[in-house]
Amino acid sequence: MADNIKKLREDKNLLQKEVAAHIGLKPAHYNKIEKGLVEPSIDTLDKLATFYGLTIDNIVHLDAGVPTNVQMEDKSNAEQLRLIAQLNDKDKSTVMNIIDTMLTKQKFQEFFQQNVAQ
């Protein structure tokens, strides 16, 4: 990742001190990031990504590319469930909470239309 950060800077013909000033780091600290002596924080990566008009993934995987998005709508229901099952527990819980909320909203709307709107 250090090489990627350095390449981005060099491709823009910028000095380390210019990038460091823009993202709020001391030049010496930024230099250590480019040399791979210090891992950049997520906040620093976010500032670099914003500065270069990229995402953090683009910085981490500069030449390798970022994995393509998975489009759920063109998958069978079984395939969608398989993909959800691959998520970590926190993300699975988030997806299930979203589904529960949507189903509850739909049921409430149906109830409202059948009982109150008449």
C-alpha atoms as a PDB file:
ATOM      1  CA  MET A   1       0.000   0.000   0.000  1.00  0.00           C
ATOM      2  CA  ALA A   2       2.913   2.341   0.688  1.00  0.00           C
ATOM      3  CA  ASP A   3       4.028   1.966  -2.922  1.00  0.00           C
ATOM      4  CA  ASN A   4       0.505   2.776  -4.120  1.00  0.00           C
ATOM      5  CA  ILE A   5       0.383   5.947  -2.024  1.00  0.00           C
ATOM      6  CA  LYS A   6       3.780   7.005  -3.326  1.00  0.00           C
ATOM      7  CA  LYS A   7       2.800   6.255  -6.944  1.00  0.00           C
ATOM      8  CA  LEU A   8      -0.363   8.354  -6.640  1.00  0.00           C
ATOM      9  CA  ARG A   9       1.660  11.308  -5.377  1.00  0.00           C
ATOM     10  CA  GLU A  10       4.349  10.941  -8.009  1.00  0.00           C
ATOM     11  CA  ASP A  11       1.778  10.597 -10.812  1.00  0.00           C
ATOM     12  CA  LYS A  12       0.424  14.016  -9.795  1.00  0.00           C
ATOM     13  CA  ASN A  13       3.954  15.498  -9.561  1.00  0.00           C
ATOM     14  CA  LEU A  14       3.398  16.474  -5.942  1.00  0.00           C
ATOM     15  CA  LEU A  15       5.883  16.750  -3.114  1.00  0.00           C
ATOM     16  CA  GLN A  16       5.399  14.742   0.060  1.00  0.00           C
ATOM     17  CA  LYS A  17       5.057  17.950   2.062  1.00  0.00           C
ATOM     18  CA  GLU A  18       2.246  19.147  -0.233  1.00  0.00           C
ATOM     19  CA  VAL A  19       0.196  15.993   0.246  1.00  0.00           C
ATOM     20  CA  ALA A  20       0.983  15.914   3.960  1.00  0.00           C
ATOM     21  CA  ALA A  21      -0.215  19.500   4.394  1.00  0.00           C
ATOM     22  CA  HIS A  22      -3.415  18.830   2.481  1.00  0.00           C
ATOM     23  CA  ILE A  23      -4.369  15.784   4.552  1.00  0.00           C
ATOM     24  CA  GLY A  24      -3.228  17.273   7.860  1.00  0.00           C
ATOM     25  CA  LEU A  25      -0.101  15.238   8.598  1.00  0.00           C
ATOM     26  CA  LYS A  26       3.415  16.268   9.429  1.00  0.00           C
ATOM     27  CA  PRO A  27       5.754  15.650   6.481  1.00  0.00           C
ATOM     28  CA  ALA A  28       7.921  13.273   8.507  1.00  0.00           C
ATOM     29  CA  HIS A  29       4.900  11.112   9.364  1.00  0.00           C
ATOM     30  CA  TYR A  30       3.719  11.095   5.747  1.00  0.00           C
ATOM     31  CA  ASN A  31       7.229  10.079   4.670  1.00  0.00           C
ATOM     32  CA  LYS A  32       7.060   7.069   7.016  1.00  0.00           C
ATOM     33  CA  ILE A  33       3.748   6.044   5.447  1.00  0.00           C
ATOM     34  CA  GLU A  34       5.249   6.111   1.947  1.00  0.00           C
ATOM     35  CA  LYS A  35       8.249   4.114   3.139  1.00  0.00           C
ATOM     36  CA  GLY A  36       5.967   1.516   4.734  1.00  0.00           C
ATOM     37  CA  LEU A  37       7.308   2.168   8.215  1.00  0.00           C
ATOM     38  CA  VAL A  38       3.895   3.282   9.491  1.00  0.00           C
ATOM     39  CA  GLU A  39       0.488   1.978   8.468  1.00  0.00           C
ATOM     40  CA  PRO A  40      -1.903   4.807   7.610  1.00  0.00           C
ATOM     41  CA  SER A  41      -5.049   5.053   9.697  1.00  0.00           C
ATOM     42  CA  ILE A  42      -8.456   4.656   8.087  1.00  0.00           C
ATOM     43  CA  ASP A  43      -8.922   8.398   8.556  1.00  0.00           C
ATOM     44  CA  THR A  44      -5.678   9.094   6.703  1.00  0.00           C
ATOM     45  CA  LEU A  45      -6.630   6.685   3.917  1.00  0.00           C
ATOM     46  CA  ASP A  46     -10.010   8.392   3.651  1.00  0.00           C
ATOM     47  CA  LYS A  47      -8.345  11.802   3.368  1.00  0.00           C
ATOM     48  CA  LEU A  48      -5.953  10.493   0.718  1.00  0.00           C
ATOM     49  CA  ALA A  49      -8.823   8.923  -1.210  1.00  0.00           C
ATOM     50  CA  THR A  50     -10.761  12.182  -1.117  1.00  0.00           C
ATOM     51  CA  PHE A  51      -7.684  14.156  -2.129  1.00  0.00           C
ATOM     52  CA  TYR A  52      -7.045  11.923  -5.166  1.00  0.00           C
ATOM     53  CA  GLY A  53     -10.715  11.457  -6.042  1.00  0.00           C
ATOM     54  CA  LEU A  54     -10.582   7.719  -5.355  1.00  0.00           C
ATOM     55  CA  THR A  55     -11.936   5.223  -2.856  1.00  0.00           C
ATOM     56  CA  ILE A  56      -9.889   3.564  -0.132  1.00  0.00           C
ATOM     57  CA  ASP A  57     -10.197   0.318  -2.115  1.00  0.00           C
ATOM     58  CA  ASN A  58      -8.651   2.045  -5.122  1.00  0.00           C
ATOM     59  CA  ILE A  59      -5.665   3.085  -3.006  1.00  0.00           C
ATOM     60  CA  VAL A  60      -5.199  -0.357  -1.454  1.00  0.00           C
ATOM     61  CA  HIS A  61      -5.653  -2.205  -4.775  1.00  0.00           C
ATOM     62  CA  LEU A  62      -4.247   0.439  -7.103  1.00  0.00           C
ATOM     63  CA  ASP A  63      -3.116  -1.772  -9.995  1.00  0.00           C
ATOM     64  CA  ALA A  64      -5.004  -4.946  -9.127  1.00  0.00           C
ATOM     65  CA  GLY A  65      -8.411  -3.324  -9.446  1.00  0.00           C
ATOM     66  CA  VAL A  66     -11.314  -3.577  -7.089  1.00  0.00           C
ATOM     67  CA  PRO A  67     -13.581  -6.623  -7.129  1.00  0.00           C
ATOM     68  CA  THR A  68     -16.725  -6.041  -9.135  1.00  0.00           C
ATOM     69  CA  ASN A  69     -19.994  -5.462  -7.339  1.00  0.00           C
ATOM     70  CA  VAL A  70     -22.316  -8.423  -6.987  1.00  0.00           C
ATOM     71  CA  GLN A  71     -25.725  -7.630  -8.450  1.00  0.00           C
ATOM     72  CA  MET A  72     -28.357  -9.427  -6.390  1.00  0.00           C
ATOM     73  CA  GLU A  73     -31.277  -8.725  -8.739  1.00  0.00           C
ATOM     74  CA  ASP A  74     -29.994 -10.995 -11.479  1.00  0.00           C
ATOM     75  CA  LYS A  75     -29.443 -13.969  -9.168  1.00  0.00           C
ATOM     76  CA  SER A  76     -31.896 -16.705  -8.237  1.00  0.00           C
ATOM     77  CA  ASN A  77     -33.365 -16.625  -4.733  1.00  0.00           C
ATOM     78  CA  ALA A  78     -31.174 -19.566  -3.733  1.00  0.00           C
ATOM     79  CA  GLU A  79     -28.069 -17.767  -5.012  1.00  0.00           C
ATOM     80  CA  GLN A  80     -29.055 -14.593  -3.155  1.00  0.00           C
ATOM     81  CA  LEU A  81     -29.388 -16.570   0.091  1.00  0.00           C
ATOM     82  CA  ARG A  82     -26.013 -18.227  -0.532  1.00  0.00           C
ATOM     83  CA  LEU A  83     -24.383 -14.806  -0.975  1.00  0.00           C
ATOM     84  CA  ILE A  84     -26.014 -13.480   2.200  1.00  0.00           C
ATOM     85  CA  ALA A  85     -24.797 -16.563   4.089  1.00  0.00           C
ATOM     86  CA  GLN A  86     -21.203 -15.638   3.153  1.00  0.00           C
ATOM     87  CA  LEU A  87     -21.427 -12.349   5.045  1.00  0.00           C
ATOM     88  CA  ASN A  88     -19.973 -11.935   8.512  1.00  0.00           C
ATOM     89  CA  ASP A  89     -22.441 -12.160  11.410  1.00  0.00           C
ATOM     90  CA  LYS A  90     -22.802  -8.399  11.837  1.00  0.00           C
ATOM     91  CA  ASP A  91     -23.550  -7.837   8.146  1.00  0.00           C
ATOM     92  CA  LYS A  92     -25.984 -10.793   8.066  1.00  0.00           C
ATOM     93  CA  SER A  93     -27.803  -9.278  11.016  1.00  0.00           C
ATOM     94  CA  THR A  94     -27.958  -5.908   9.250  1.00  0.00           C
ATOM     95  CA  VAL A  95     -29.412  -7.485   6.093  1.00  0.00           C
ATOM     96  CA  MET A  96     -31.998  -9.403   8.129  1.00  0.00           C
ATOM     97  CA  ASN A  97     -32.966  -6.251  10.045  1.00  0.00           C
ATOM     98  CA  ILE A  98     -33.500  -4.415   6.756  1.00  0.00           C
ATOM     99  CA  ILE A  99     -35.655  -7.262   5.439  1.00  0.00           C
ATOM    100  CA  ASP A 100     -37.646  -7.389   8.689  1.00  0.00           C
ATOM    101  CA  THR A 101     -38.232  -3.636   8.544  1.00  0.00           C
ATOM    102  CA  MET A 102     -39.385  -3.798   4.939  1.00  0.00           C
ATOM    103  CA  LEU A 103     -41.735  -6.706   5.629  1.00  0.00           C
ATOM    104  CA  THR A 104     -43.188  -4.971   8.690  1.00  0.00           C
ATOM    105  CA  LYS A 105     -43.753  -1.816   6.661  1.00  0.00           C
ATOM    106  CA  GLN A 106     -45.463  -3.802   3.908  1.00  0.00           C
ATOM    107  CA  LYS A 107     -47.695  -5.640   6.406  1.00  0.00           C
ATOM    108  CA  PHE A 108     -48.614  -2.351   8.078  1.00  0.00           C
ATOM    109  CA  GLN A 109     -49.521  -0.802   4.725  1.00  0.00           C
ATOM    110  CA  GLU A 110     -51.672  -3.830   3.838  1.00  0.00           C
ATOM    111  CA  PHE A 111     -53.392  -3.696   7.236  1.00  0.00           C
ATOM    112  CA  PHE A 112     -53.960   0.032   6.894  1.00  0.00           C
ATOM    113  CA  GLN A 113     -55.449  -0.349   3.411  1.00  0.00           C
ATOM    114  CA  GLN A 114     -57.753  -3.172   4.484  1.00  0.00           C
ATOM    115  CA  ASN A 115     -58.913  -1.792   7.830  1.00  0.00           C
ATOM    116  CA  VAL A 116     -58.484   1.933   8.019  1.00  0.00           C
ATOM    117  CA  ALA A 117     -58.764   3.199   4.459  1.00  0.00           C
ATOM    118  CA  GLN A 118     -62.249   1.712   4.050  1.00  0.00           C
END
